[in-house]
């Protein structure tokens, strides 16, 4: 199964990069669901947990199942390259009630783990439900995402700059070949392996390419009208987003937690790579996540494997690395 997007010459001219503070806020909310892996955002989630505990995000999470349909009205593709959160929130708040109701029904149908209380809340009048959802999302933005937005935005901007250079140097084929392991460019068609089975002729609408810091482990393709088709992909460099630099305390002790101690022991980059292996990953994908050369990642993985922190397992033509019990213990002791 695969999603395929067929391009014309007009579509190639209308491809553009953008980022979305609204999507990042929703992706951060989604990370708080029990079935989601935190990936490189464990520190961030620990830091904002007290603030998020005071916000009722269950209805929002119920509309974003791990597998299946997510309510599209929550994440309209950005109309510009660098929209503000307030502008995007206003677009969400202007969603027609009939669309709100239809997409809520569809999302809940794909989310068997949605709680009874959240379902009851979402079955209310769509105007009131939309107001409630917008208020919760705005509160998460203000308390959790806005304070770190300059750091997150810098990662997104750097990714866009990097991908734009790649497009200029090697064209569309190289861009998509290196954007994500599940993406392939064949003739005039972009193919995403696995997931839904869907085909779309873009017919001149073009494609928005949206890097995400908080959507660290999945590709998302939005093709349903009325939105412009959008490809959301994990931004390059998210792996070290929350790695502390670590400053010595005035009495010679670290003012950071155990994470800095691990970084001092094996190096900041290796510590980040080790913490990031919550799920098995290839050298190529780790290089993308940590904005490093593949050769550099390979050298670090060799050291980590030699120390017994990780092991590699072959899957077809790929070698995927995962933490060993020793690696898990090191991460647990130095979160």
Protein backbone atom coordinates (compact mmCIF):
# COMPACT_ATOMS: atom_id res chain seq x y z
CA UNK A 1 0.00 0.00 0.00
CA UNK A 2 1.17 3.52 -0.78
CA UNK A 3 0.11 7.11 -1.31
CA UNK A 4 1.03 8.49 -4.73
CA UNK A 5 1.00 12.10 -5.89
CA UNK A 6 1.36 12.72 -9.62
CA UNK A 7 2.98 16.01 -10.64
CA UNK A 8 2.68 18.14 -13.74
CA UNK A 9 5.13 20.87 -14.72
CA UNK A 10 2.80 23.39 -13.08
CA UNK A 11 2.89 21.42 -9.81
CA UNK A 12 6.68 21.48 -9.76
CA UNK A 13 6.58 25.27 -10.10
CA UNK A 14 4.07 25.53 -7.26
CA UNK A 15 5.91 23.46 -4.66
CA UNK A 16 6.81 25.60 -1.66
CA UNK A 17 8.16 25.24 1.86
CA UNK A 18 6.43 26.56 4.95
CA UNK A 19 6.11 25.89 8.66
CA UNK A 20 3.10 26.02 10.95
CA UNK A 21 3.05 26.98 14.65
CA UNK A 22 -0.50 25.57 14.80
CA UNK A 23 0.65 22.17 13.54
CA UNK A 24 3.60 22.17 15.95
CA UNK A 25 1.26 22.91 18.86
CA UNK A 26 -1.07 20.06 17.89
CA UNK A 27 1.86 17.70 17.39
CA UNK A 28 3.11 18.64 20.88
CA UNK A 29 -0.33 17.83 22.30
CA UNK A 30 -0.32 14.52 20.47
CA UNK A 31 3.01 13.59 22.07
CA UNK A 32 1.27 13.55 25.47
CA UNK A 33 -0.92 10.57 24.47
CA UNK A 34 0.09 7.29 26.19
CA UNK A 35 0.43 5.46 22.86
CA UNK A 36 2.87 8.02 21.45
CA UNK A 37 6.64 7.67 21.77
CA UNK A 38 8.34 10.87 22.98
CA UNK A 39 11.41 10.32 20.81
CA UNK A 40 13.79 13.28 21.18
CA UNK A 41 11.18 15.32 23.09
CA UNK A 42 11.32 13.55 26.45
CA UNK A 43 12.96 16.53 28.16
CA UNK A 44 10.47 18.97 26.68
CA UNK A 45 7.50 16.89 27.83
CA UNK A 46 8.95 16.56 31.33
CA UNK A 47 9.44 20.32 31.49
CA UNK A 48 5.90 21.25 30.39
CA UNK A 49 4.04 18.40 32.14
CA UNK A 50 2.84 20.55 35.09
CA UNK A 51 1.42 23.21 32.76
CA UNK A 52 -0.25 20.70 30.43
CA UNK A 53 -1.78 18.81 33.36
CA UNK A 54 -3.97 21.84 34.04
CA UNK A 55 -5.35 21.94 30.46
CA UNK A 56 -8.05 19.60 29.19
CA UNK A 57 -6.46 18.33 25.99
CA UNK A 58 -8.33 15.00 25.85
CA UNK A 59 -10.89 16.23 23.27
CA UNK A 60 -8.07 17.52 21.05
CA UNK A 61 -6.13 14.26 21.31
CA UNK A 62 -9.28 12.27 20.52
CA UNK A 63 -9.32 13.90 17.07
CA UNK A 64 -5.72 12.84 16.33
CA UNK A 65 -5.55 9.02 16.42
CA UNK A 66 -2.17 7.33 16.07
CA UNK A 67 -3.49 5.48 13.03
CA UNK A 68 -6.31 6.76 10.86
CA UNK A 69 -7.90 10.09 10.07
CA UNK A 70 -7.02 13.29 11.92
CA UNK A 71 -9.56 16.12 11.74
CA UNK A 72 -8.17 18.31 8.96
CA UNK A 73 -9.88 21.50 10.13
CA UNK A 74 -7.42 21.61 13.04
CA UNK A 75 -4.42 21.97 10.72
CA UNK A 76 -5.18 24.03 7.61
CA UNK A 77 -2.04 24.21 5.47
CA UNK A 78 -0.38 27.60 6.03
CA UNK A 79 -1.33 30.28 3.51
CA UNK A 80 2.14 31.83 3.76
CA UNK A 81 5.66 30.64 4.48
CA UNK A 82 5.87 31.93 8.06
CA UNK A 83 2.36 32.41 9.51
CA UNK A 84 1.76 33.52 13.08
CA UNK A 85 -0.05 31.30 15.56
CA UNK A 86 -2.82 33.87 15.98
CA UNK A 87 -3.47 33.99 12.25
CA UNK A 88 -3.66 30.20 12.04
CA UNK A 89 -5.91 29.98 15.09
CA UNK A 90 -8.28 32.48 13.47
CA UNK A 91 -8.51 30.23 10.38
CA UNK A 92 -9.35 27.22 12.54
CA UNK A 93 -11.95 29.21 14.49
CA UNK A 94 -13.65 30.18 11.20
CA UNK A 95 -14.30 26.55 10.18
CA UNK A 96 -17.97 26.05 9.14
CA UNK A 97 -19.94 24.04 11.77
CA UNK A 98 -20.97 21.38 9.25
CA UNK A 99 -17.33 20.68 8.44
CA UNK A 100 -16.44 20.53 12.13
CA UNK A 101 -19.17 17.97 12.74
CA UNK A 102 -18.32 15.80 9.72
CA UNK A 103 -14.59 15.67 10.50
CA UNK A 104 -15.15 15.00 14.21
CA UNK A 105 -17.38 12.04 13.34
CA UNK A 106 -14.80 10.70 10.91
CA UNK A 107 -11.89 11.10 13.35
CA UNK A 108 -13.76 9.47 16.25
CA UNK A 109 -14.66 6.59 13.97
CA UNK A 110 -10.92 5.96 13.48
CA UNK A 111 -10.04 6.30 17.17
CA UNK A 112 -11.27 3.35 19.23
CA UNK A 113 -9.20 4.42 22.24
CA UNK A 114 -10.84 7.85 22.55
CA UNK A 115 -12.29 8.21 26.05
CA UNK A 116 -16.01 8.27 26.78
CA UNK A 117 -15.87 11.76 28.30
CA UNK A 118 -13.98 13.19 25.32
CA UNK A 119 -16.50 11.62 22.93
CA UNK A 120 -19.37 13.14 24.89
CA UNK A 121 -17.75 16.58 24.81
CA UNK A 122 -17.13 16.36 21.06
CA UNK A 123 -20.74 15.33 20.32
CA UNK A 124 -21.98 18.71 21.56
CA UNK A 125 -23.01 21.58 19.30
CA UNK A 126 -20.14 22.03 16.79
CA UNK A 127 -19.95 25.79 17.39
CA UNK A 128 -19.36 25.25 21.10
CA UNK A 129 -17.00 22.35 20.43
CA UNK A 130 -14.90 24.44 18.05
CA UNK A 131 -14.66 27.22 20.64
CA UNK A 132 -13.58 24.73 23.31
CA UNK A 133 -10.95 23.16 21.05
CA UNK A 134 -9.51 26.54 20.05
CA UNK A 135 -9.31 27.65 23.68
CA UNK A 136 -7.43 24.50 24.71
CA UNK A 137 -5.01 24.74 21.77
CA UNK A 138 -4.37 28.43 22.47
CA UNK A 139 -3.60 27.66 26.11
CA UNK A 140 -1.12 24.92 25.16
CA UNK A 141 0.56 27.32 22.75
CA UNK A 142 0.86 30.06 25.38
CA UNK A 143 2.10 27.86 28.23
CA UNK A 144 4.19 25.21 26.49
CA UNK A 145 5.10 25.98 22.88
CA UNK A 146 5.41 29.77 22.65
CA UNK A 147 8.21 29.92 25.28
CA UNK A 148 10.36 27.56 23.17
CA UNK A 149 9.13 28.71 19.76
CA UNK A 150 12.31 30.66 18.86
CA UNK A 151 14.34 27.45 19.32
CA UNK A 152 11.85 25.29 17.41
CA UNK A 153 11.48 27.88 14.66
CA UNK A 154 15.27 27.99 14.21
CA UNK A 155 15.29 24.22 13.53
CA UNK A 156 12.44 24.59 11.01
CA UNK A 157 14.13 27.53 9.28
CA UNK A 158 17.41 25.63 9.08
CA UNK A 159 15.64 22.63 7.56
CA UNK A 160 13.94 24.75 4.93
CA UNK A 161 17.27 26.37 4.03
CA UNK A 162 18.94 22.97 3.77
CA UNK A 163 16.18 21.41 1.67
CA UNK A 164 16.03 24.46 -0.61
CA UNK A 165 19.76 24.10 -1.33
CA UNK A 166 19.27 20.39 -1.99
CA UNK A 167 16.46 21.19 -4.44
CA UNK A 168 18.61 23.79 -6.19
CA UNK A 169 21.59 21.42 -6.43
CA UNK A 170 19.87 18.19 -7.44
CA UNK A 171 16.31 18.98 -8.44
CA UNK A 172 13.09 17.34 -7.30
CA UNK A 173 14.43 13.81 -7.58
CA UNK A 174 17.26 14.40 -5.13
CA UNK A 175 15.05 16.41 -2.75
CA UNK A 176 12.48 13.66 -2.36
CA UNK A 177 15.02 10.84 -2.43
CA UNK A 178 16.76 12.28 0.64
CA UNK A 179 13.82 13.86 2.46
CA UNK A 180 12.62 10.66 4.17
CA UNK A 181 13.33 6.91 3.79
CA UNK A 182 9.69 6.21 2.90
CA UNK A 183 9.58 8.72 0.04
CA UNK A 184 10.48 7.85 -3.55
CA UNK A 185 10.38 9.84 -6.77
CA UNK A 186 9.56 7.86 -9.90
CA UNK A 187 9.18 9.68 -13.22
CA UNK A 188 6.51 12.30 -12.40
CA UNK A 189 5.13 10.68 -9.22
CA UNK A 190 5.96 11.01 -5.54
CA UNK A 191 5.40 7.76 -3.63
CA UNK A 192 5.08 7.32 0.12
CA UNK A 193 5.47 3.70 1.14
CA UNK A 194 3.14 2.10 3.69
CA UNK A 195 0.05 3.63 5.25
CA UNK A 196 -3.08 4.45 3.27
CA UNK A 197 -3.63 3.37 -0.32
CA UNK A 198 -4.51 6.56 -2.16
CA UNK A 199 -3.72 8.26 -5.46
CA UNK A 200 -3.98 11.95 -6.30
CA UNK A 201 -3.27 13.86 -9.51
CA UNK A 202 -2.17 17.26 -8.28
CA UNK A 203 -3.40 18.92 -11.50
CA UNK A 204 -1.55 22.19 -10.97
CA UNK A 205 -2.35 22.69 -7.27
CA UNK A 206 1.27 22.15 -6.26
CA UNK A 207 2.47 20.79 -2.93
CA UNK A 208 3.33 22.40 0.39
CA UNK A 209 6.39 20.89 2.09
CA UNK A 210 6.03 21.36 5.83
CA UNK A 211 8.90 20.38 8.18
CA UNK A 212 7.89 19.55 11.73
CA UNK A 213 9.94 19.35 14.89
CA UNK A 214 7.33 17.69 17.11
CA UNK A 215 6.09 15.24 14.46
CA UNK A 216 9.42 13.49 14.70
CA UNK A 217 8.65 9.96 13.51
CA UNK A 218 5.99 10.03 10.79
CA UNK A 219 5.18 11.38 7.35
CA UNK A 220 1.75 12.98 7.01
CA UNK A 221 0.08 13.71 3.68
CA UNK A 222 -3.04 15.88 3.54
CA UNK A 223 -4.89 15.53 0.25
CA UNK A 224 -8.55 16.10 1.18
CA UNK A 225 -10.23 19.21 -0.29
CA UNK A 226 -10.42 22.11 0.22
CA UNK A 227 -6.80 22.23 1.37
CA UNK A 228 -3.81 22.46 -0.89
CA UNK A 229 -2.02 19.07 -0.80
CA UNK A 230 0.58 19.10 1.96
CA UNK A 231 3.46 16.81 2.90
CA UNK A 232 4.52 17.04 6.55
CA UNK A 233 7.88 15.48 7.33
CA UNK A 234 10.25 15.34 10.35
CA UNK A 235 12.59 18.33 10.28
CA UNK A 236 16.30 17.77 10.05
CA UNK A 237 18.12 18.38 13.33
CA UNK A 238 15.33 17.68 15.84
CA UNK A 239 17.39 15.04 17.64
CA UNK A 240 19.52 17.57 19.52
CA UNK A 241 16.75 20.14 20.00
CA UNK A 242 16.61 19.76 23.78
CA UNK A 243 20.16 18.62 24.46
CA UNK A 244 21.56 20.91 27.17
CA UNK A 245 24.92 22.52 26.60
CA UNK A 246 25.70 22.16 30.30
CA UNK A 247 27.36 24.98 32.20
CA UNK A 248 29.61 24.43 35.22
CA UNK A 249 28.13 25.64 38.48
CA UNK A 250 30.05 28.31 40.35
CA UNK A 251 31.09 25.63 42.86
CA UNK A 252 32.28 23.29 40.11
CA UNK A 253 29.11 21.21 39.79
CA UNK A 254 26.76 21.02 36.82
CA UNK A 255 23.59 23.14 37.03
CA UNK A 256 21.87 20.62 34.78
CA UNK A 257 20.55 17.13 35.49
CA UNK A 258 21.97 13.72 34.78
CA UNK A 259 21.65 14.24 31.04
CA UNK A 260 24.69 16.49 31.10
CA UNK A 261 26.64 13.87 33.06
CA UNK A 262 25.99 11.36 30.27
CA UNK A 263 27.04 13.93 27.69
CA UNK A 264 30.28 14.56 29.54
CA UNK A 265 30.95 10.84 29.75
CA UNK A 266 30.36 9.84 26.12
CA UNK A 267 29.96 13.21 24.38
CA UNK A 268 26.86 15.37 23.78
CA UNK A 269 26.19 14.06 20.28
CA UNK A 270 26.60 10.41 21.25
CA UNK A 271 24.36 10.97 24.27
CA UNK A 272 21.73 12.47 21.99
CA UNK A 273 21.96 9.57 19.56
CA UNK A 274 21.66 7.07 22.40
CA UNK A 275 18.62 8.81 23.89
CA UNK A 276 17.05 9.08 20.45
CA UNK A 277 17.03 5.33 19.84
CA UNK A 278 13.69 4.73 21.54
CA UNK A 279 12.83 2.94 18.31
CA UNK A 280 15.29 1.23 15.92
CA UNK A 281 16.72 3.58 13.29
CA UNK A 282 19.15 3.49 10.38
CA UNK A 283 22.30 5.55 10.01
CA UNK A 284 20.68 7.58 7.23
CA UNK A 285 17.64 8.47 9.30
CA UNK A 286 19.72 9.34 12.36
CA UNK A 287 21.86 11.62 10.19
CA UNK A 288 18.70 13.46 9.11
CA UNK A 289 17.31 13.72 12.62
CA UNK A 290 20.56 15.03 14.09
CA UNK A 291 21.66 17.12 11.10
CA UNK A 292 24.93 15.20 10.84
CA UNK A 293 26.87 13.61 8.02
CA UNK A 294 26.13 9.90 7.63
CA UNK A 295 29.82 9.11 8.11
CA UNK A 296 29.88 11.03 11.39
CA UNK A 297 26.83 9.15 12.66
CA UNK A 298 28.41 5.85 11.64
CA UNK A 299 31.54 6.66 13.65
CA UNK A 300 29.48 7.53 16.75
CA UNK A 301 27.39 4.38 16.41
CA UNK A 302 30.54 2.28 16.15
CA UNK A 303 31.78 3.72 19.45
CA UNK A 304 28.39 3.20 21.14
CA UNK A 305 28.20 -0.37 19.85
CA UNK A 306 31.76 -1.08 21.00
CA UNK A 307 30.81 0.12 24.48
CA UNK A 308 27.79 -2.19 24.51
CA UNK A 309 25.19 0.62 24.52
CA UNK A 310 23.60 -0.29 21.16
CA UNK A 311 23.42 -3.13 18.67
CA UNK A 312 22.67 -3.29 14.96
CA UNK A 313 20.17 -5.65 13.33
CA UNK A 314 19.88 -6.23 9.60
CA UNK A 315 16.49 -5.77 7.93
CA UNK A 316 16.78 -6.47 4.23
CA UNK A 317 19.36 -4.04 2.86
CA UNK A 318 19.29 -1.86 5.97
CA UNK A 319 20.92 -2.06 9.38
CA UNK A 320 18.77 -0.64 12.16
CA UNK A 321 20.31 0.26 15.50
CA UNK A 322 18.62 -0.09 18.86
CA UNK A 323 19.65 0.31 22.47
CA UNK A 324 20.79 -2.68 24.50
CA UNK A 325 19.78 -3.24 28.13
CA UNK A 326 22.96 -1.36 29.10
CA UNK A 327 21.97 1.53 26.84
CA UNK A 328 18.47 1.61 28.33
CA UNK A 329 19.94 1.70 31.82
CA UNK A 330 22.26 4.58 30.90
CA UNK A 331 19.37 6.61 29.49
CA UNK A 332 17.12 5.83 32.46
CA UNK A 333 19.82 6.99 34.87
CA UNK A 334 20.53 10.14 32.81
CA UNK A 335 17.17 11.31 31.38
